[in-house]
C-alpha atoms as a PDB file:
ATOM      1  CA  MET A   1      -1.443 -22.827  -1.032  1.00  0.00           C
ATOM      2  CA  LEU A   2      -1.142 -19.788   1.240  1.00  0.00           C
ATOM      3  CA  SER A   3       1.900 -17.568   1.035  1.00  0.00           C
ATOM      4  CA  ALA A   4       2.904 -15.323   3.909  1.00  0.00           C
ATOM      5  CA  LEU A   5       2.722 -11.612   3.233  1.00  0.00           C
ATOM      6  CA  SER A   6       4.103  -9.341   5.896  1.00  0.00           C
ATOM      7  CA  ILE A   7       2.697  -5.901   6.614  1.00  0.00           C
ATOM      8  CA  ALA A   8       6.145  -4.488   5.806  1.00  0.00           C
ATOM      9  CA  ALA A   9       6.023  -6.117   2.376  1.00  0.00           C
ATOM     10  CA  ALA A  10       2.512  -4.803   1.831  1.00  0.00           C
ATOM     11  CA  ILE A  11       3.584  -1.272   2.663  1.00  0.00           C
ATOM     12  CA  ALA A  12       6.522  -1.442   0.282  1.00  0.00           C
ATOM     13  CA  LEU A  13       4.435  -1.796  -2.873  1.00  0.00           C
ATOM     14  CA  SER A  14       6.533  -2.771  -5.870  1.00  0.00           C
ATOM     15  CA  SER A  15       6.460  -1.817  -9.534  1.00  0.00           C
ATOM     16  CA  PRO A  16       5.290  -4.457 -12.043  1.00  0.00           C
ATOM     17  CA  ALA A  17       8.875  -5.224 -13.125  1.00  0.00           C
ATOM     18  CA  THR A  18      10.186  -6.624  -9.841  1.00  0.00           C
ATOM     19  CA  GLN A  19      11.081 -10.024  -8.425  1.00  0.00           C
ATOM     20  CA  PRO A  20       8.699 -12.792  -7.311  1.00  0.00           C
ATOM     21  CA  GLY A  21       6.678 -12.015  -4.192  1.00  0.00           C
ATOM     22  CA  ALA A  22       6.139  -8.386  -5.213  1.00  0.00           C
ATOM     23  CA  VAL A  23       3.003  -6.592  -4.051  1.00  0.00           C
ATOM     24  CA  TYR A  24       1.451  -4.316  -6.682  1.00  0.00           C
ATOM     25  CA  ALA A  25      -1.681  -3.071  -4.913  1.00  0.00           C
ATOM     26  CA  MET A  26      -3.551  -3.380  -1.619  1.00  0.00           C
ATOM     27  CA  GLN A  27      -7.154  -2.550  -0.842  1.00  0.00           C
ATOM     28  CA  PRO A  28      -9.326  -2.982   2.252  1.00  0.00           C
ATOM     29  CA  PHE A  29     -12.469  -4.900   1.269  1.00  0.00           C
ATOM     30  CA  ALA A  30     -15.193  -6.784   3.170  1.00  0.00           C
ATOM     31  CA  GLY A  31     -13.316  -6.616   6.488  1.00  0.00           C
ATOM     32  CA  HIS A  32     -10.076  -7.949   4.996  1.00  0.00           C
ATOM     33  CA  LEU A  33      -7.027  -6.649   3.177  1.00  0.00           C
ATOM     34  CA  VAL A  34      -6.707  -7.802  -0.409  1.00  0.00           C
ATOM     35  CA  ALA A  35      -3.343  -7.747  -2.147  1.00  0.00           C
ATOM     36  CA  CYS A  36      -2.338  -8.049  -5.781  1.00  0.00           C
ATOM     37  CA  THR A  37       0.894 -10.024  -5.945  1.00  0.00           C
ATOM     38  CA  THR A  38       2.980 -12.136  -8.280  1.00  0.00           C
ATOM     39  CA  GLU A  39       1.359 -15.126  -6.534  1.00  0.00           C
ATOM     40  CA  GLY A  40      -2.199 -14.043  -7.430  1.00  0.00           C
ATOM     41  CA  LEU A  41      -4.944 -12.307  -5.481  1.00  0.00           C
ATOM     42  CA  GLU A  42      -4.299 -12.673  -1.748  1.00  0.00           C
ATOM     43  CA  VAL A  43      -6.937 -12.213   0.968  1.00  0.00           C
ATOM     44  CA  LEU A  44      -5.489 -11.274   4.364  1.00  0.00           C
ATOM     45  CA  THR A  45      -6.830 -10.495   7.808  1.00  0.00           C
ATOM     46  CA  PRO A  46      -6.687  -6.813   8.814  1.00  0.00           C
ATOM     47  CA  ASP A  47      -3.443  -7.736  10.660  1.00  0.00           C
ATOM     48  CA  GLY A  48      -1.882  -9.139   7.477  1.00  0.00           C
ATOM     49  CA  ALA A  49      -2.225 -12.870   8.192  1.00  0.00           C
ATOM     50  CA  PRO A  50      -2.927 -14.953   5.054  1.00  0.00           C
ATOM     51  CA  VAL A  51      -6.481 -16.244   4.604  1.00  0.00           C
ATOM     52  CA  HIS A  52      -6.657 -17.372   0.962  1.00  0.00           C
ATOM     53  CA  VAL A  53      -4.801 -16.994  -2.329  1.00  0.00           C
ATOM     54  CA  PHE A  54      -6.774 -16.957  -5.575  1.00  0.00           C
ATOM     55  CA  GLY A  55      -4.696 -18.370  -8.407  1.00  0.00           C
ATOM     56  CA  ALA A  56      -5.400 -20.031 -11.732  1.00  0.00           C
ATOM     57  CA  GLU A  57      -6.873 -23.081  -9.951  1.00  0.00           C
ATOM     58  CA  GLU A  58      -9.629 -20.861  -8.461  1.00  0.00           C
ATOM     59  CA  GLY A  59     -10.408 -19.159 -11.767  1.00  0.00           C
ATOM     60  CA  LEU A  60      -8.042 -16.174 -11.646  1.00  0.00           C
ATOM     61  CA  PRO A  61      -6.993 -15.437 -15.230  1.00  0.00           C
ATOM     62  CA  GLY A  62      -3.227 -15.289 -15.562  1.00  0.00           C
ATOM     63  CA  THR A  63      -0.685 -15.688 -12.804  1.00  0.00           C
ATOM     64  CA  THR A  64      -0.142 -12.151 -11.512  1.00  0.00           C
ATOM     65  CA  CYS A  65      -2.642  -9.689 -10.034  1.00  0.00           C
ATOM     66  CA  LEU A  66      -1.663  -6.086 -10.853  1.00  0.00           C
ATOM     67  CA  ALA A  67      -4.404  -3.605  -9.840  1.00  0.00           C
ATOM     68  CA  LEU A  68      -7.468  -3.315  -7.590  1.00  0.00           C
ATOM     69  CA  GLU A  69     -10.503  -1.020  -7.600  1.00  0.00           C
ATOM     70  CA  VAL A  70     -13.687  -1.077  -5.515  1.00  0.00           C
ATOM     71  CA  ALA A  71     -16.927  -0.179  -7.292  1.00  0.00           C
ATOM     72  CA  GLY A  72     -20.169  -0.462  -5.375  1.00  0.00           C
ATOM     73  CA  GLU A  73     -20.218  -3.737  -3.455  1.00  0.00           C
ATOM     74  CA  ARG A  74     -17.580  -5.473  -5.588  1.00  0.00           C
ATOM     75  CA  LEU A  75     -13.802  -5.540  -5.774  1.00  0.00           C
ATOM     76  CA  PHE A  76     -12.307  -5.561  -9.280  1.00  0.00           C
ATOM     77  CA  ALA A  77      -8.864  -7.017  -9.967  1.00  0.00           C
ATOM     78  CA  ALA A  78      -6.766  -6.683 -13.121  1.00  0.00           C
ATOM     79  CA  THR A  79      -4.441  -9.581 -13.844  1.00  0.00           C
ATOM     80  CA  ASP A  80      -1.952 -10.188 -16.612  1.00  0.00           C
ATOM     81  CA  ALA A  81      -4.675 -12.053 -18.537  1.00  0.00           C
ATOM     82  CA  GLY A  82      -8.030 -10.544 -17.570  1.00  0.00           C
ATOM     83  CA  ILE A  83     -10.240  -8.683 -15.123  1.00  0.00           C
ATOM     84  CA  VAL A  84     -12.337 -10.353 -12.428  1.00  0.00           C
ATOM     85  CA  SER A  85     -14.625  -9.115  -9.678  1.00  0.00           C
ATOM     86  CA  LEU A  86     -15.296 -10.468  -6.211  1.00  0.00           C
ATOM     87  CA  ASP A  87     -18.289 -10.012  -3.941  1.00  0.00           C
ATOM     88  CA  SER A  88     -18.053  -9.592  -0.163  1.00  0.00           C
ATOM     89  CA  ALA A  89     -18.058 -13.405   0.279  1.00  0.00           C
ATOM     90  CA  PHE A  90     -15.025 -13.539  -2.080  1.00  0.00           C
ATOM     91  CA  HIS A  91     -16.771 -15.354  -4.923  1.00  0.00           C
ATOM     92  CA  LEU A  92     -14.781 -14.685  -8.074  1.00  0.00           C
ATOM     93  CA  GLU A  93     -16.492 -13.752 -11.361  1.00  0.00           C
ATOM     94  CA  PRO A  94     -14.756 -13.124 -14.727  1.00  0.00           C
ATOM     95  CA  VAL A  95     -15.396  -9.657 -16.210  1.00  0.00           C
ATOM     96  CA  LEU A  96     -13.131  -9.074 -19.238  1.00  0.00           C
ATOM     97  CA  GLY A  97     -10.380 -10.975 -21.031  1.00  0.00           C
ATOM     98  CA  VAL A  98      -7.979  -8.046 -21.499  1.00  0.00           C
ATOM     99  CA  SER A  99      -4.311  -7.516 -20.673  1.00  0.00           C
ATOM    100  CA  TRP A 100      -4.443  -4.399 -18.512  1.00  0.00           C
ATOM    101  CA  GLN A 101      -1.998  -3.668 -15.705  1.00  0.00           C
ATOM    102  CA  ALA A 102      -4.256  -0.903 -14.378  1.00  0.00           C
ATOM    103  CA  LEU A 103      -7.903  -0.152 -13.743  1.00  0.00           C
ATOM    104  CA  PRO A 104      -9.646   3.192 -14.224  1.00  0.00           C
ATOM    105  CA  PRO A 105     -10.943   4.950 -11.105  1.00  0.00           C
ATOM    106  CA  ALA A 106     -14.473   3.864 -10.122  1.00  0.00           C
ATOM    107  CA  GLU A 107     -15.475   7.446  -9.268  1.00  0.00           C
ATOM    108  CA  GLU A 108     -18.368   6.245  -7.078  1.00  0.00           C
ATOM    109  CA  ALA A 109     -19.868   4.055  -9.807  1.00  0.00           C
ATOM    110  CA  SER A 110     -21.971   1.057  -8.877  1.00  0.00           C
ATOM    111  CA  ALA A 111     -20.560  -2.345  -9.798  1.00  0.00           C
ATOM    112  CA  ALA A 112     -22.892  -2.568 -12.831  1.00  0.00           C
ATOM    113  CA  GLU A 113     -21.923   0.938 -13.991  1.00  0.00           C
ATOM    114  CA  TYR A 114     -18.237   0.095 -13.587  1.00  0.00           C
ATOM    115  CA  VAL A 115     -18.564  -3.104 -15.648  1.00  0.00           C
ATOM    116  CA  GLU A 116     -20.344  -1.068 -18.333  1.00  0.00           C
ATOM    117  CA  ARG A 117     -17.514   1.494 -18.234  1.00  0.00           C
ATOM    118  CA  LEU A 118     -14.893  -1.276 -18.541  1.00  0.00           C
ATOM    119  CA  ASP A 119     -16.759  -2.786 -21.513  1.00  0.00           C
ATOM    120  CA  LEU A 120     -16.894   0.605 -23.269  1.00  0.00           C
ATOM    121  CA  LEU A 121     -13.221   1.218 -22.562  1.00  0.00           C
ATOM    122  CA  ALA A 122     -12.286  -2.204 -23.964  1.00  0.00           C
ATOM    123  CA  LYS A 123     -14.180  -1.365 -27.165  1.00  0.00           C
ATOM    124  CA  VAL A 124     -12.333   1.934 -27.768  1.00  0.00           C
ATOM    125  CA  LEU A 125      -8.813   0.948 -26.714  1.00  0.00           C
ATOM    126  CA  PRO A 126      -6.625  -0.760 -29.310  1.00  0.00           C
ATOM    127  CA  PRO A 127      -6.566  -4.422 -28.225  1.00  0.00           C
ATOM    128  CA  ASP A 128      -2.903  -5.047 -29.059  1.00  0.00           C
ATOM    129  CA  ALA A 129      -1.442  -2.886 -26.251  1.00  0.00           C
ATOM    130  CA  THR A 130      -0.766  -3.572 -22.582  1.00  0.00           C
ATOM    131  CA  TYR A 131      -2.261  -0.695 -20.577  1.00  0.00           C
ATOM    132  CA  THR A 132      -0.287   0.424 -17.519  1.00  0.00           C
ATOM    133  CA  VAL A 133      -2.286   3.566 -16.608  1.00  0.00           C
ATOM    134  CA  LEU A 134      -5.985   4.299 -17.142  1.00  0.00           C
ATOM    135  CA  THR A 135      -7.655   7.568 -16.155  1.00  0.00           C
ATOM    136  CA  SER A 136     -11.039   8.951 -17.108  1.00  0.00           C
ATOM    137  CA  ARG A 137      -9.473  10.702 -20.154  1.00  0.00           C
ATOM    138  CA  TYR A 138      -6.124   9.014 -20.902  1.00  0.00           C
ATOM    139  CA  ALA A 139      -4.493   5.610 -21.285  1.00  0.00           C
ATOM    140  CA  GLY A 140      -0.789   4.832 -20.987  1.00  0.00           C
ATOM    141  CA  THR A 141       0.876   1.731 -22.374  1.00  0.00           C
ATOM    142  CA  ALA A 142       3.815  -0.510 -21.526  1.00  0.00           C
ATOM    143  CA  ASP A 143       5.462   0.399 -24.828  1.00  0.00           C
ATOM    144  CA  GLY A 144       5.468   4.155 -24.157  1.00  0.00           C
ATOM    145  CA  HIS A 145       2.285   5.559 -25.668  1.00  0.00           C
ATOM    146  CA  VAL A 146      -0.218   8.012 -24.193  1.00  0.00           C
ATOM    147  CA  LEU A 147      -3.680   7.962 -25.778  1.00  0.00           C
ATOM    148  CA  GLU A 148      -6.356  10.588 -25.258  1.00  0.00           C
ATOM    149  CA  LEU A 149      -9.621   8.666 -24.993  1.00  0.00           C
ATOM    150  CA  GLY A 150     -12.394   9.674 -27.357  1.00  0.00           C
ATOM    151  CA  THR A 151      -9.969  11.352 -29.765  1.00  0.00           C
ATOM    152  CA  GLU A 152      -7.318  10.269 -32.228  1.00  0.00           C
ATOM    153  CA  ARG A 153      -4.558  12.061 -30.278  1.00  0.00           C
ATOM    154  CA  ALA A 154      -1.599   9.948 -29.163  1.00  0.00           C
ATOM    155  CA  TRP A 155       1.964  10.679 -28.041  1.00  0.00           C
ATOM    156  CA  SER A 156       5.097   8.539 -27.744  1.00  0.00           C
ATOM    157  CA  VAL A 157       7.278   8.787 -24.636  1.00  0.00           C
ATOM    158  CA  SER A 158      10.424   6.955 -23.617  1.00  0.00           C
ATOM    159  CA  GLY A 159       9.662   3.903 -21.499  1.00  0.00           C
ATOM    160  CA  ALA A 160       6.547   2.348 -20.020  1.00  0.00           C
ATOM    161  CA  VAL A 161       3.975   4.885 -18.816  1.00  0.00           C
ATOM    162  CA  ARG A 162       3.753   4.764 -14.984  1.00  0.00           C
ATOM    163  CA  LEU A 163       1.634   7.841 -14.128  1.00  0.00           C
ATOM    164  CA  ILE A 164      -0.705  10.231 -15.926  1.00  0.00           C
ATOM    165  CA  GLU A 165      -1.910  13.213 -13.945  1.00  0.00           C
ATOM    166  CA  GLU A 166      -4.111  15.968 -15.335  1.00  0.00           C
ATOM    167  CA  GLU A 167      -3.247  19.527 -14.372  1.00  0.00           C
ATOM    168  CA  ARG A 168      -4.738  22.890 -15.274  1.00  0.00           C
ATOM    169  CA  GLN A 169      -2.060  23.565 -17.919  1.00  0.00           C
ATOM    170  CA  GLY A 170      -1.992  20.047 -19.381  1.00  0.00           C
ATOM    171  CA  VAL A 171      -1.046  16.491 -18.516  1.00  0.00           C
ATOM    172  CA  GLN A 172       1.964  15.281 -16.534  1.00  0.00           C
ATOM    173  CA  VAL A 173       3.299  11.899 -17.679  1.00  0.00           C
ATOM    174  CA  VAL A 174       5.870   9.813 -15.844  1.00  0.00           C
ATOM    175  CA  ALA A 175       7.407   7.027 -17.888  1.00  0.00           C
ATOM    176  CA  GLY A 176      10.192   4.524 -17.346  1.00  0.00           C
ATOM    177  CA  ASP A 177      12.815   6.842 -18.814  1.00  0.00           C
ATOM    178  CA  GLY A 178      11.689  10.269 -17.579  1.00  0.00           C
ATOM    179  CA  ALA A 179       8.919  12.774 -17.049  1.00  0.00           C
ATOM    180  CA  PHE A 180       6.985  14.507 -19.805  1.00  0.00           C
ATOM    181  CA  PHE A 181       4.350  17.203 -20.117  1.00  0.00           C
ATOM    182  CA  ILE A 182       1.580  17.501 -22.719  1.00  0.00           C
ATOM    183  CA  ASP A 183       0.229  21.055 -22.833  1.00  0.00           C
ATOM    184  CA  THR A 184      -3.362  22.018 -23.658  1.00  0.00           C
ATOM    185  CA  GLN A 185      -2.372  22.420 -27.323  1.00  0.00           C
ATOM    186  CA  GLY A 186      -1.110  18.823 -27.454  1.00  0.00           C
ATOM    187  CA  ARG A 187       2.611  19.648 -27.506  1.00  0.00           C
ATOM    188  CA  LEU A 188       4.842  17.093 -25.776  1.00  0.00           C
ATOM    189  CA  ALA A 189       7.965  18.195 -23.887  1.00  0.00           C
ATOM    190  CA  SER A 190      10.486  16.484 -21.601  1.00  0.00           C
ATOM    191  CA  ARG A 191      10.622  17.594 -17.980  1.00  0.00           C
END
């Protein structure tokens, strides 16, 4: 079943805690626009006309697509129940059965290198958390934790982590209930 997605709706990307029909991410891929929505993974023409919706019937794990990332010749999509990749002909392939609401940046990795990176990340991240932000050095969770990858360092913040941005003096964290800063010594402060 195709659902209409207007360009205006696509531009007004929503946060993961919004009503049905929300758009969480958009990415141009293989001559189309691809959108992560509460309806699944939607393929659109460049003008925004619906072409196809990938849902559970087509092998999409879960019901909601939450994040997109292009690595090499493949598009990766994180859903509420796993990660899949698609080739330029839009053939869907399962990648990982994890509950991540974000994907780390591809940083010009090939598709094979990105899958390897995702596998390594899945092995080091505690499996019982829902990850809302993933960077090359940090992970943020839905229950308000910031983890420094490759170390034992972790911080608690108020609300779901929405943004982690590295700066020269430390790390800026935006969570559901405010902004925080972690300095180079590991001290956490409210902003």
